[in-house]
């Protein structure tokens, strides 16, 4: 799983890259503007650096409604074990 953290100046870069994307892809059906592509462009151009932080924790995702119960149960278990704040 990826999680991104940015400073507010990311928005000027996103706007610039989105305008370029629109010029190149506005008439292309199903074209998508990908955040990782913008980050990659910024790194390769030397405009920005990125730091990768590694977490060893298990990742839980809810993409489909069928996954919800398993995630709710996992969070409940983490709360009981004191690993996750009980709200």
N, C-alpha and C. Protein backbone atom coordinates (compact mmCIF):
# COMPACT_ATOMS: atom_id res chain seq x y z
N UNK A 1 0.85 -1.17 0.00
CA UNK A 1 0.00 0.00 0.00
C UNK A 1 0.89 1.23 0.00
N UNK A 2 0.46 2.24 -0.70
CA UNK A 2 1.17 3.51 -0.71
C UNK A 2 0.35 4.56 0.04
N UNK A 3 1.06 5.39 0.75
CA UNK A 3 0.44 6.53 1.39
C UNK A 3 1.34 7.72 1.08
N UNK A 4 0.76 8.80 0.65
CA UNK A 4 1.53 9.97 0.26
C UNK A 4 1.36 11.07 1.30
N UNK A 5 2.43 11.82 1.51
CA UNK A 5 2.39 13.02 2.33
C UNK A 5 3.11 14.12 1.56
N UNK A 6 2.48 15.26 1.40
CA UNK A 6 3.04 16.34 0.60
C UNK A 6 3.00 17.66 1.36
N UNK A 7 3.87 18.57 0.94
CA UNK A 7 3.75 19.95 1.38
C UNK A 7 2.79 20.63 0.41
N UNK A 8 2.30 21.80 0.79
CA UNK A 8 1.25 22.46 -0.01
C UNK A 8 1.71 22.87 -1.40
N UNK A 9 3.02 22.98 -1.63
CA UNK A 9 3.47 23.38 -2.97
C UNK A 9 3.20 22.30 -4.02
N UNK A 10 2.77 21.12 -3.61
CA UNK A 10 2.45 20.07 -4.58
C UNK A 10 1.35 20.54 -5.54
N UNK A 11 0.47 21.42 -5.06
CA UNK A 11 -0.65 21.83 -5.89
C UNK A 11 -0.22 22.63 -7.11
N UNK A 12 0.84 23.42 -7.01
CA UNK A 12 1.32 24.15 -8.18
C UNK A 12 1.87 23.17 -9.21
N UNK A 13 2.56 22.13 -8.75
CA UNK A 13 3.08 21.11 -9.67
C UNK A 13 1.95 20.29 -10.28
N UNK A 14 0.96 19.94 -9.48
CA UNK A 14 -0.17 19.18 -10.00
C UNK A 14 -0.92 19.97 -11.06
N UNK A 15 -1.11 21.26 -10.80
CA UNK A 15 -1.81 22.10 -11.78
C UNK A 15 -1.02 22.17 -13.09
N UNK A 16 0.28 22.38 -12.98
CA UNK A 16 1.12 22.45 -14.18
C UNK A 16 1.05 21.14 -14.97
N UNK A 17 1.24 20.02 -14.28
CA UNK A 17 1.23 18.72 -14.95
C UNK A 17 -0.16 18.36 -15.48
N UNK A 18 -1.20 18.77 -14.77
CA UNK A 18 -2.56 18.49 -15.23
C UNK A 18 -2.85 19.26 -16.52
N UNK A 19 -2.40 20.49 -16.60
CA UNK A 19 -2.59 21.26 -17.83
C UNK A 19 -1.87 20.61 -19.00
N UNK A 20 -0.65 20.10 -18.78
CA UNK A 20 0.06 19.36 -19.83
C UNK A 20 -0.70 18.10 -20.21
N UNK A 21 -1.19 17.39 -19.20
CA UNK A 21 -1.97 16.18 -19.43
C UNK A 21 -3.19 16.47 -20.30
N UNK A 22 -3.91 17.56 -19.98
CA UNK A 22 -5.09 17.91 -20.77
C UNK A 22 -4.74 18.21 -22.22
N UNK A 23 -3.65 18.92 -22.44
CA UNK A 23 -3.25 19.24 -23.81
C UNK A 23 -2.97 17.97 -24.61
N UNK A 24 -2.38 16.97 -23.95
CA UNK A 24 -2.00 15.74 -24.64
C UNK A 24 -3.12 14.70 -24.70
N UNK A 25 -4.03 14.74 -23.74
CA UNK A 25 -4.95 13.60 -23.58
C UNK A 25 -6.43 13.94 -23.56
N UNK A 26 -6.78 15.19 -23.77
CA UNK A 26 -8.18 15.59 -23.60
C UNK A 26 -9.13 14.79 -24.49
N UNK A 27 -8.69 14.38 -25.65
CA UNK A 27 -9.56 13.64 -26.56
C UNK A 27 -9.33 12.14 -26.53
N UNK A 28 -8.47 11.70 -25.63
CA UNK A 28 -8.21 10.27 -25.51
C UNK A 28 -9.16 9.66 -24.49
N UNK A 29 -10.00 8.78 -24.96
CA UNK A 29 -10.97 8.14 -24.08
C UNK A 29 -10.24 7.29 -23.04
N UNK A 30 -10.70 7.34 -21.83
CA UNK A 30 -10.18 6.56 -20.70
C UNK A 30 -8.77 6.95 -20.27
N UNK A 31 -8.30 8.13 -20.65
CA UNK A 31 -6.99 8.57 -20.16
C UNK A 31 -7.14 8.98 -18.70
N UNK A 32 -6.09 8.75 -17.93
CA UNK A 32 -6.12 9.06 -16.50
C UNK A 32 -4.89 9.85 -16.11
N UNK A 33 -5.07 10.73 -15.15
CA UNK A 33 -4.00 11.56 -14.60
C UNK A 33 -3.54 10.90 -13.31
N UNK A 34 -2.34 10.36 -13.31
CA UNK A 34 -1.86 9.58 -12.17
C UNK A 34 -0.92 10.38 -11.28
N UNK A 35 -1.21 10.41 -10.00
CA UNK A 35 -0.36 11.07 -9.02
C UNK A 35 1.07 10.50 -9.04
N UNK A 36 1.25 9.18 -9.08
CA UNK A 36 2.62 8.65 -9.13
C UNK A 36 3.41 9.14 -10.35
N UNK A 37 2.73 9.38 -11.46
CA UNK A 37 3.42 9.89 -12.64
C UNK A 37 3.92 11.31 -12.41
N UNK A 38 3.14 12.13 -11.73
CA UNK A 38 3.57 13.49 -11.42
C UNK A 38 4.78 13.45 -10.49
N UNK A 39 4.72 12.62 -9.46
CA UNK A 39 5.84 12.50 -8.52
C UNK A 39 7.08 12.02 -9.26
N UNK A 40 6.93 11.05 -10.14
CA UNK A 40 8.06 10.54 -10.91
C UNK A 40 8.67 11.65 -11.78
N UNK A 41 7.83 12.44 -12.42
CA UNK A 41 8.31 13.55 -13.25
C UNK A 41 9.09 14.55 -12.41
N UNK A 42 8.59 14.88 -11.23
CA UNK A 42 9.26 15.84 -10.35
C UNK A 42 10.61 15.31 -9.87
N UNK A 43 10.68 14.04 -9.57
CA UNK A 43 11.94 13.44 -9.12
C UNK A 43 12.94 13.41 -10.27
N UNK A 44 12.51 12.95 -11.43
CA UNK A 44 13.42 12.84 -12.58
C UNK A 44 13.92 14.20 -13.04
N UNK A 45 13.11 15.25 -12.89
CA UNK A 45 13.53 16.59 -13.31
C UNK A 45 14.42 17.26 -12.28
N UNK A 46 14.50 16.66 -11.09
CA UNK A 46 15.31 17.23 -10.02
C UNK A 46 14.59 18.32 -9.24
N UNK A 47 13.32 18.54 -9.54
CA UNK A 47 12.56 19.59 -8.85
C UNK A 47 12.21 19.20 -7.41
N UNK A 48 12.01 17.92 -7.19
CA UNK A 48 11.62 17.43 -5.87
C UNK A 48 12.34 16.12 -5.56
N UNK A 49 12.38 15.81 -4.29
CA UNK A 49 12.89 14.53 -3.81
C UNK A 49 11.75 13.83 -3.07
N UNK A 50 11.87 12.53 -2.95
CA UNK A 50 10.88 11.76 -2.21
C UNK A 50 11.60 10.87 -1.21
N UNK A 51 10.96 10.68 -0.09
CA UNK A 51 11.50 9.79 0.93
C UNK A 51 10.50 8.64 1.08
N UNK A 52 11.02 7.44 1.07
CA UNK A 52 10.18 6.26 1.24
C UNK A 52 10.32 5.77 2.68
N UNK A 53 9.20 5.66 3.34
CA UNK A 53 9.17 5.13 4.70
C UNK A 53 8.53 3.75 4.64
N UNK A 54 9.14 2.80 5.29
CA UNK A 54 8.65 1.43 5.26
C UNK A 54 7.93 1.13 6.57
N UNK A 55 6.77 0.54 6.47
CA UNK A 55 6.01 0.11 7.64
C UNK A 55 5.84 -1.40 7.56
N UNK A 56 6.00 -2.05 8.67
CA UNK A 56 5.89 -3.51 8.69
C UNK A 56 4.48 -3.98 9.08
N UNK A 57 3.59 -3.04 9.32
CA UNK A 57 2.24 -3.39 9.75
C UNK A 57 1.44 -4.02 8.62
N UNK A 58 0.48 -4.83 8.99
CA UNK A 58 -0.42 -5.45 8.02
C UNK A 58 -1.34 -4.38 7.45
N UNK A 59 -1.59 -4.44 6.17
CA UNK A 59 -2.44 -3.49 5.49
C UNK A 59 -3.83 -4.10 5.30
N UNK A 60 -4.85 -3.28 5.54
CA UNK A 60 -6.23 -3.70 5.33
C UNK A 60 -6.86 -2.72 4.35
N UNK A 61 -7.50 -3.23 3.35
CA UNK A 61 -8.16 -2.36 2.38
C UNK A 61 -9.61 -2.74 2.21
N UNK A 62 -10.40 -1.74 1.89
CA UNK A 62 -11.82 -1.98 1.63
C UNK A 62 -12.12 -1.43 0.25
N UNK A 63 -12.07 -2.29 -0.71
CA UNK A 63 -12.41 -1.92 -2.08
C UNK A 63 -13.84 -2.36 -2.38
N UNK A 64 -14.21 -3.50 -1.83
CA UNK A 64 -15.54 -4.06 -2.07
C UNK A 64 -16.28 -4.22 -0.75
N UNK A 65 -17.59 -4.10 -0.81
CA UNK A 65 -18.39 -4.17 0.42
C UNK A 65 -18.20 -5.50 1.16
N UNK A 66 -17.85 -6.53 0.44
CA UNK A 66 -17.64 -7.84 1.06
C UNK A 66 -16.41 -7.84 1.98
N UNK A 67 -15.53 -6.88 1.83
CA UNK A 67 -14.31 -6.81 2.65
C UNK A 67 -14.52 -6.06 3.96
N UNK A 68 -15.61 -5.34 4.07
CA UNK A 68 -15.83 -4.47 5.23
C UNK A 68 -15.81 -5.24 6.55
N UNK A 69 -16.51 -6.31 6.66
CA UNK A 69 -16.60 -7.05 7.94
C UNK A 69 -15.24 -7.50 8.42
N UNK A 70 -14.40 -7.99 7.52
CA UNK A 70 -13.07 -8.46 7.92
C UNK A 70 -12.23 -7.30 8.46
N UNK A 71 -12.34 -6.14 7.85
CA UNK A 71 -11.58 -4.98 8.31
C UNK A 71 -12.12 -4.47 9.64
N UNK A 72 -13.42 -4.41 9.79
CA UNK A 72 -14.03 -3.99 11.06
C UNK A 72 -13.58 -4.93 12.17
N UNK A 73 -13.58 -6.22 11.91
CA UNK A 73 -13.15 -7.20 12.92
C UNK A 73 -11.66 -7.04 13.25
N UNK A 74 -10.84 -6.79 12.24
CA UNK A 74 -9.40 -6.61 12.47
C UNK A 74 -9.14 -5.37 13.32
N UNK A 75 -9.83 -4.28 13.04
CA UNK A 75 -9.66 -3.05 13.83
C UNK A 75 -10.15 -3.27 15.25
N UNK A 76 -11.25 -3.97 15.40
CA UNK A 76 -11.77 -4.29 16.73
C UNK A 76 -10.74 -5.09 17.53
N UNK A 77 -10.12 -6.05 16.88
CA UNK A 77 -9.11 -6.87 17.54
C UNK A 77 -7.90 -6.02 17.94
N UNK A 78 -7.49 -5.09 17.06
CA UNK A 78 -6.38 -4.21 17.37
C UNK A 78 -6.72 -3.29 18.54
N UNK A 79 -7.97 -2.83 18.61
CA UNK A 79 -8.41 -2.01 19.74
C UNK A 79 -8.30 -2.80 21.04
N UNK A 80 -8.79 -4.04 21.02
CA UNK A 80 -8.75 -4.90 22.22
C UNK A 80 -7.32 -5.17 22.66
N UNK A 81 -6.40 -5.25 21.71
CA UNK A 81 -5.00 -5.51 22.02
C UNK A 81 -4.21 -4.24 22.33
N UNK A 82 -4.89 -3.09 22.30
CA UNK A 82 -4.23 -1.82 22.59
C UNK A 82 -3.33 -1.31 21.47
N UNK A 83 -3.49 -1.87 20.26
CA UNK A 83 -2.67 -1.46 19.12
C UNK A 83 -3.30 -0.34 18.32
N UNK A 84 -4.56 -0.08 18.55
CA UNK A 84 -5.30 0.91 17.78
C UNK A 84 -6.18 1.67 18.77
N UNK A 85 -6.24 2.99 18.66
CA UNK A 85 -7.04 3.75 19.65
C UNK A 85 -8.51 3.41 19.58
N UNK A 86 -9.10 3.19 20.71
CA UNK A 86 -10.53 2.90 20.78
C UNK A 86 -11.29 4.22 20.79
N UNK A 87 -12.10 4.44 19.79
CA UNK A 87 -12.83 5.70 19.69
C UNK A 87 -14.21 5.46 20.18
